[in-house]
């Protein structure tokens, strides 16, 4: 029971869920990448278009969001479309028999160089 809500869980469903959690492997690393940086300030999300191809998408840490987004909710000048080096917290989630999934959190934004 939770508050006024009542949940009924079958033992078999709990065992299956436990097995799925046990089969997960989660690794976290800090990585540094360079690319063209794009920002969605309202949702606090970013895209980093890598120079070698590919795109990394993720969320901003609270500290980085405070540095990049002004009080009006708009990005500070010179950030969007800049070629930047960033530090990311990369989380790799591997489930048995499946391809790994990656998620990213921006933890540091180095100096930006506007694109020509």
N, C-alpha and C. Protein backbone atom coordinates (compact mmCIF):
# COMPACT_ATOMS: atom_id res chain seq x y z
N UNK A 1 0.84 -1.18 0.00
CA UNK A 1 0.00 0.00 0.00
C UNK A 1 0.88 1.24 0.00
N UNK A 2 0.41 2.25 -0.70
CA UNK A 2 1.09 3.54 -0.73
C UNK A 2 0.02 4.61 -0.65
N UNK A 3 -0.04 5.30 0.47
CA UNK A 3 -1.09 6.30 0.64
C UNK A 3 -2.45 5.64 0.53
N UNK A 4 -3.25 6.10 -0.43
CA UNK A 4 -4.58 5.55 -0.64
C UNK A 4 -4.60 4.52 -1.76
N UNK A 5 -3.42 4.23 -2.32
CA UNK A 5 -3.34 3.28 -3.43
C UNK A 5 -2.86 1.93 -2.92
N UNK A 6 -3.45 0.91 -3.49
CA UNK A 6 -3.13 -0.46 -3.11
C UNK A 6 -2.59 -1.19 -4.34
N UNK A 7 -1.43 -1.81 -4.22
CA UNK A 7 -0.81 -2.55 -5.32
C UNK A 7 -0.73 -4.02 -4.96
N UNK A 8 -0.99 -4.84 -5.95
CA UNK A 8 -0.85 -6.27 -5.78
C UNK A 8 0.18 -6.76 -6.78
N UNK A 9 1.28 -7.33 -6.29
CA UNK A 9 2.34 -7.82 -7.15
C UNK A 9 2.46 -9.33 -6.98
N UNK A 10 2.51 -10.01 -8.10
CA UNK A 10 2.66 -11.46 -8.04
C UNK A 10 4.12 -11.82 -7.83
N UNK A 11 4.36 -12.88 -7.14
CA UNK A 11 5.71 -13.33 -6.84
C UNK A 11 6.53 -13.55 -8.12
N UNK A 12 5.89 -14.14 -9.13
CA UNK A 12 6.58 -14.41 -10.39
C UNK A 12 7.05 -13.11 -11.06
N UNK A 13 6.22 -12.08 -11.03
CA UNK A 13 6.59 -10.79 -11.63
C UNK A 13 7.76 -10.16 -10.87
N UNK A 14 7.77 -10.30 -9.57
CA UNK A 14 8.87 -9.76 -8.77
C UNK A 14 10.16 -10.51 -9.07
N UNK A 15 10.09 -11.83 -9.21
CA UNK A 15 11.28 -12.62 -9.52
C UNK A 15 11.85 -12.26 -10.89
N UNK A 16 10.97 -12.05 -11.88
CA UNK A 16 11.42 -11.66 -13.22
C UNK A 16 12.09 -10.29 -13.17
N UNK A 17 11.49 -9.35 -12.46
CA UNK A 17 12.08 -8.01 -12.35
C UNK A 17 13.44 -8.07 -11.65
N UNK A 18 13.54 -8.86 -10.61
CA UNK A 18 14.81 -9.01 -9.89
C UNK A 18 15.89 -9.60 -10.80
N UNK A 19 15.53 -10.58 -11.61
CA UNK A 19 16.49 -11.20 -12.53
C UNK A 19 16.97 -10.18 -13.56
N UNK A 20 16.07 -9.35 -14.08
CA UNK A 20 16.45 -8.33 -15.05
C UNK A 20 17.42 -7.32 -14.44
N UNK A 21 17.17 -6.93 -13.22
CA UNK A 21 18.08 -5.99 -12.54
C UNK A 21 19.43 -6.65 -12.30
N UNK A 22 19.43 -7.89 -11.90
CA UNK A 22 20.69 -8.60 -11.67
C UNK A 22 21.51 -8.76 -12.95
N UNK A 23 20.83 -8.84 -14.10
CA UNK A 23 21.51 -9.02 -15.38
C UNK A 23 22.08 -7.72 -15.94
N UNK A 24 21.74 -6.59 -15.36
CA UNK A 24 22.24 -5.30 -15.83
C UNK A 24 23.65 -5.04 -15.32
N UNK A 25 24.45 -4.44 -16.17
CA UNK A 25 25.78 -3.98 -15.77
C UNK A 25 25.86 -2.50 -16.12
N UNK A 26 26.17 -1.68 -15.14
CA UNK A 26 26.23 -0.23 -15.33
C UNK A 26 27.63 0.25 -15.02
N UNK A 27 28.25 0.92 -16.00
CA UNK A 27 29.58 1.50 -15.84
C UNK A 27 29.49 2.99 -16.09
N UNK A 28 30.20 3.77 -15.27
CA UNK A 28 30.25 5.22 -15.47
C UNK A 28 31.69 5.65 -15.64
N UNK A 29 31.91 6.53 -16.62
CA UNK A 29 33.23 7.09 -16.88
C UNK A 29 33.07 8.57 -17.17
N UNK A 30 34.16 9.31 -17.02
CA UNK A 30 34.20 10.69 -17.45
C UNK A 30 35.00 10.73 -18.74
N UNK A 31 34.41 11.31 -19.78
CA UNK A 31 35.07 11.39 -21.08
C UNK A 31 35.12 12.84 -21.53
N UNK A 32 36.02 13.13 -22.46
CA UNK A 32 36.15 14.46 -23.04
C UNK A 32 35.93 14.33 -24.54
N UNK A 33 35.08 15.19 -25.10
CA UNK A 33 34.77 15.15 -26.53
C UNK A 33 34.76 16.57 -27.08
N UNK A 34 35.04 16.69 -28.38
CA UNK A 34 35.00 17.98 -29.06
C UNK A 34 34.05 17.88 -30.24
N UNK A 35 33.24 18.92 -30.42
CA UNK A 35 32.31 18.97 -31.54
C UNK A 35 31.53 20.26 -31.53
N UNK A 36 30.58 20.36 -32.43
CA UNK A 36 29.72 21.53 -32.51
C UNK A 36 28.59 21.35 -31.50
N UNK A 37 28.44 22.36 -30.66
CA UNK A 37 27.55 22.25 -29.50
C UNK A 37 26.22 22.95 -29.75
N UNK A 38 25.13 22.26 -29.41
CA UNK A 38 23.78 22.82 -29.50
C UNK A 38 23.07 22.61 -28.18
N UNK A 39 22.19 23.54 -27.84
CA UNK A 39 21.57 23.55 -26.52
C UNK A 39 20.08 23.83 -26.62
N UNK A 40 19.29 23.09 -25.86
CA UNK A 40 17.86 23.36 -25.68
C UNK A 40 17.69 23.82 -24.23
N UNK A 41 17.69 25.13 -24.00
CA UNK A 41 17.73 25.63 -22.62
C UNK A 41 16.52 25.26 -21.77
N UNK A 42 15.32 25.26 -22.33
CA UNK A 42 14.14 24.97 -21.52
C UNK A 42 14.14 23.54 -20.98
N UNK A 43 14.59 22.61 -21.78
CA UNK A 43 14.61 21.21 -21.33
C UNK A 43 15.96 20.81 -20.75
N UNK A 44 16.92 21.75 -20.79
CA UNK A 44 18.27 21.50 -20.28
C UNK A 44 18.91 20.28 -20.93
N UNK A 45 18.77 20.20 -22.23
CA UNK A 45 19.35 19.13 -23.03
C UNK A 45 20.34 19.70 -24.01
N UNK A 46 21.26 18.84 -24.47
CA UNK A 46 22.27 19.28 -25.42
C UNK A 46 22.46 18.23 -26.50
N UNK A 47 23.09 18.68 -27.59
CA UNK A 47 23.58 17.79 -28.64
C UNK A 47 25.01 18.23 -28.93
N UNK A 48 25.89 17.28 -29.10
CA UNK A 48 27.26 17.54 -29.49
C UNK A 48 27.50 16.77 -30.78
N UNK A 49 27.66 17.50 -31.90
CA UNK A 49 27.90 16.90 -33.20
C UNK A 49 29.40 16.73 -33.36
N UNK A 50 29.86 15.50 -33.29
CA UNK A 50 31.28 15.19 -33.31
C UNK A 50 31.87 15.43 -34.69
N UNK A 51 33.12 15.89 -34.71
CA UNK A 51 33.77 16.20 -35.99
C UNK A 51 33.96 14.95 -36.84
N UNK A 52 34.12 13.80 -36.24
CA UNK A 52 34.30 12.55 -36.98
C UNK A 52 32.99 11.88 -37.35
N UNK A 53 31.89 12.54 -37.09
CA UNK A 53 30.57 11.96 -37.34
C UNK A 53 29.95 11.48 -36.05
N UNK A 54 28.68 11.41 -36.03
CA UNK A 54 27.96 10.96 -34.84
C UNK A 54 27.52 12.14 -33.98
N UNK A 55 26.53 11.87 -33.15
CA UNK A 55 25.96 12.89 -32.27
C UNK A 55 25.79 12.29 -30.89
N UNK A 56 26.24 13.02 -29.87
CA UNK A 56 25.99 12.64 -28.49
C UNK A 56 24.89 13.56 -27.96
N UNK A 57 23.90 12.97 -27.32
CA UNK A 57 22.78 13.73 -26.76
C UNK A 57 22.69 13.43 -25.28
N UNK A 58 22.30 14.45 -24.51
CA UNK A 58 22.16 14.21 -23.09
C UNK A 58 21.58 15.40 -22.36
N UNK A 59 21.78 15.41 -21.05
CA UNK A 59 21.25 16.47 -20.20
C UNK A 59 22.39 17.25 -19.57
N UNK A 60 22.07 18.46 -19.12
CA UNK A 60 23.06 19.31 -18.45
C UNK A 60 23.03 19.04 -16.95
N UNK A 61 24.19 19.06 -16.32
CA UNK A 61 24.21 19.04 -14.87
C UNK A 61 23.68 20.39 -14.39
N UNK A 62 23.23 20.48 -13.16
CA UNK A 62 22.70 21.74 -12.63
C UNK A 62 23.75 22.84 -12.65
N UNK A 63 24.99 22.50 -12.33
CA UNK A 63 26.07 23.49 -12.30
C UNK A 63 26.32 24.07 -13.69
N UNK A 64 26.36 23.23 -14.69
CA UNK A 64 26.60 23.69 -16.06
C UNK A 64 25.41 24.50 -16.55
N UNK A 65 24.21 24.08 -16.22
CA UNK A 65 23.01 24.82 -16.64
C UNK A 65 23.05 26.24 -16.09
N UNK A 66 23.47 26.41 -14.86
CA UNK A 66 23.56 27.75 -14.26
C UNK A 66 24.59 28.61 -14.99
N UNK A 67 25.66 28.01 -15.48
CA UNK A 67 26.69 28.75 -16.20
C UNK A 67 26.24 29.12 -17.61
N UNK A 68 25.47 28.26 -18.25
CA UNK A 68 25.14 28.43 -19.66
C UNK A 68 23.84 29.18 -19.92
N UNK A 69 22.92 29.13 -18.98
CA UNK A 69 21.59 29.70 -19.20
C UNK A 69 21.40 30.88 -18.26
N UNK A 70 21.04 32.05 -18.82
CA UNK A 70 20.88 33.23 -17.97
C UNK A 70 19.52 33.21 -17.27
N UNK A 71 19.27 34.22 -16.45
CA UNK A 71 18.06 34.28 -15.64
C UNK A 71 16.78 34.33 -16.49
N UNK A 72 16.88 34.79 -17.72
CA UNK A 72 15.72 34.85 -18.61
C UNK A 72 15.42 33.50 -19.26
N UNK A 73 16.29 32.52 -19.04
CA UNK A 73 16.09 31.18 -19.62
C UNK A 73 16.66 31.03 -21.01
N UNK A 74 17.47 31.99 -21.43
CA UNK A 74 18.09 31.91 -22.75
C UNK A 74 19.57 31.59 -22.60
N UNK A 75 20.16 30.93 -23.60
CA UNK A 75 21.58 30.59 -23.50
C UNK A 75 22.46 31.84 -23.59
N UNK A 76 23.56 31.80 -22.91
CA UNK A 76 24.52 32.89 -22.99
C UNK A 76 25.08 32.95 -24.41
N UNK A 77 25.45 34.15 -24.88
CA UNK A 77 25.97 34.30 -26.25
C UNK A 77 27.23 33.49 -26.49
N UNK A 78 27.36 33.00 -27.73
CA UNK A 78 28.57 32.29 -28.15
C UNK A 78 28.60 30.81 -27.84
N UNK A 79 27.54 30.28 -27.27
CA UNK A 79 27.53 28.86 -26.90
C UNK A 79 26.97 28.00 -28.03
N UNK A 80 25.79 28.34 -28.50
CA UNK A 80 25.11 27.53 -29.51
C UNK A 80 25.86 27.62 -30.84
N UNK A 81 26.16 26.47 -31.42
CA UNK A 81 26.85 26.40 -32.70
C UNK A 81 28.35 26.56 -32.59
N UNK A 82 28.87 26.62 -31.37
CA UNK A 82 30.32 26.76 -31.19
C UNK A 82 30.98 25.39 -31.25
N UNK A 83 32.24 25.38 -31.67
CA UNK A 83 33.04 24.16 -31.60
C UNK A 83 33.65 24.16 -30.21
N UNK A 84 33.29 23.16 -29.42
CA UNK A 84 33.64 23.17 -28.01
C UNK A 84 34.17 21.82 -27.56
N UNK A 85 34.96 21.86 -26.52
CA UNK A 85 35.40 20.66 -25.84
C UNK A 85 34.62 20.58 -24.54
N UNK A 86 34.03 19.43 -24.28
CA UNK A 86 33.21 19.25 -23.10
C UNK A 86 33.63 17.99 -22.35
N UNK A 87 33.34 17.98 -21.06
CA UNK A 87 33.52 16.77 -20.26
C UNK A 87 32.14 16.22 -19.96
N UNK A 88 32.00 14.93 -20.17
CA UNK A 88 30.73 14.25 -20.01
C UNK A 88 30.85 13.10 -19.04
N UNK A 89 29.78 12.87 -18.30
CA UNK A 89 29.67 11.64 -17.50
C UNK A 89 28.93 10.67 -18.40
N UNK A 90 29.60 9.62 -18.82
CA UNK A 90 29.03 8.62 -19.70
C UNK A 90 28.60 7.42 -18.88
N UNK A 91 27.36 7.03 -19.04
CA UNK A 91 26.84 5.84 -18.36
C UNK A 91 26.55 4.79 -19.43
N UNK A 92 27.16 3.64 -19.26
CA UNK A 92 26.97 2.52 -20.18
C UNK A 92 26.15 1.46 -19.46
N UNK A 93 25.01 1.13 -20.06
CA UNK A 93 24.11 0.14 -19.46
C UNK A 93 24.06 -1.06 -20.39
N UNK A 94 24.49 -2.20 -19.86
CA UNK A 94 24.54 -3.42 -20.65
C UNK A 94 23.64 -4.46 -20.01
N UNK A 95 22.70 -4.95 -20.80
CA UNK A 95 21.85 -6.06 -20.38
C UNK A 95 22.30 -7.29 -21.15
N UNK A 96 22.26 -8.42 -20.51
CA UNK A 96 22.72 -9.65 -21.14
C UNK A 96 21.98 -9.89 -22.44
N UNK A 97 22.77 -10.15 -23.51
CA UNK A 97 22.20 -10.46 -24.81
C UNK A 97 21.73 -9.25 -25.61
N UNK A 98 22.05 -8.03 -25.14
CA UNK A 98 21.62 -6.83 -25.85
C UNK A 98 22.80 -5.90 -26.07
N UNK A 99 22.65 -5.01 -27.04
CA UNK A 99 23.67 -3.99 -27.29
C UNK A 99 23.67 -3.00 -26.12
N UNK A 100 24.85 -2.49 -25.75
CA UNK A 100 24.88 -1.51 -24.66
C UNK A 100 24.18 -0.21 -25.05
N UNK A 101 23.60 0.45 -24.07
CA UNK A 101 23.00 1.77 -24.24
C UNK A 101 23.86 2.77 -23.49
N UNK A 102 23.94 3.99 -24.03
CA UNK A 102 24.75 5.02 -23.42
C UNK A 102 23.87 6.22 -23.10
N UNK A 103 24.15 6.86 -21.97
CA UNK A 103 23.51 8.13 -21.64
C UNK A 103 24.61 9.09 -21.21
N UNK A 104 24.36 10.39 -21.40
CA UNK A 104 25.39 11.40 -21.15
C UNK A 104 24.84 12.54 -20.31
N UNK A 105 25.69 13.04 -19.43
CA UNK A 105 25.40 14.23 -18.62
C UNK A 105 26.58 15.17 -18.78
N UNK A 106 26.32 16.40 -19.21
CA UNK A 106 27.37 17.40 -19.39
C UNK A 106 27.78 17.93 -18.03
N UNK A 107 29.06 17.75 -17.68
CA UNK A 107 29.54 18.18 -16.37
C UNK A 107 30.51 19.36 -16.44
N UNK A 108 31.04 19.63 -17.64
CA UNK A 108 31.95 20.78 -17.78
C UNK A 108 31.97 21.23 -19.23
N UNK A 109 31.91 22.55 -19.41
CA UNK A 109 31.94 23.13 -20.74
C UNK A 109 33.17 24.01 -20.83
N UNK A 110 34.09 23.62 -21.72
CA UNK A 110 35.33 24.39 -21.87
C UNK A 110 35.05 25.60 -22.78
N UNK A 111 36.06 26.41 -23.01
CA UNK A 111 35.89 27.59 -23.85
C UNK A 111 35.38 27.21 -25.23
N UNK A 112 34.46 28.02 -25.74
CA UNK A 112 33.87 27.76 -27.04
C UNK A 112 34.55 28.61 -28.11
N UNK A 113 34.67 28.03 -29.28
CA UNK A 113 35.19 28.75 -30.45
C UNK A 113 34.08 28.84 -31.46
N UNK A 114 33.55 30.05 -31.75
CA UNK A 114 32.44 30.15 -32.71
C UNK A 114 32.83 29.56 -34.06
N UNK A 115 31.86 28.93 -34.69
CA UNK A 115 32.12 28.33 -36.00
C UNK A 115 32.23 29.44 -37.04
N UNK A 116 33.09 29.24 -38.06
CA UNK A 116 33.27 30.27 -39.08
C UNK A 116 32.06 30.43 -39.97
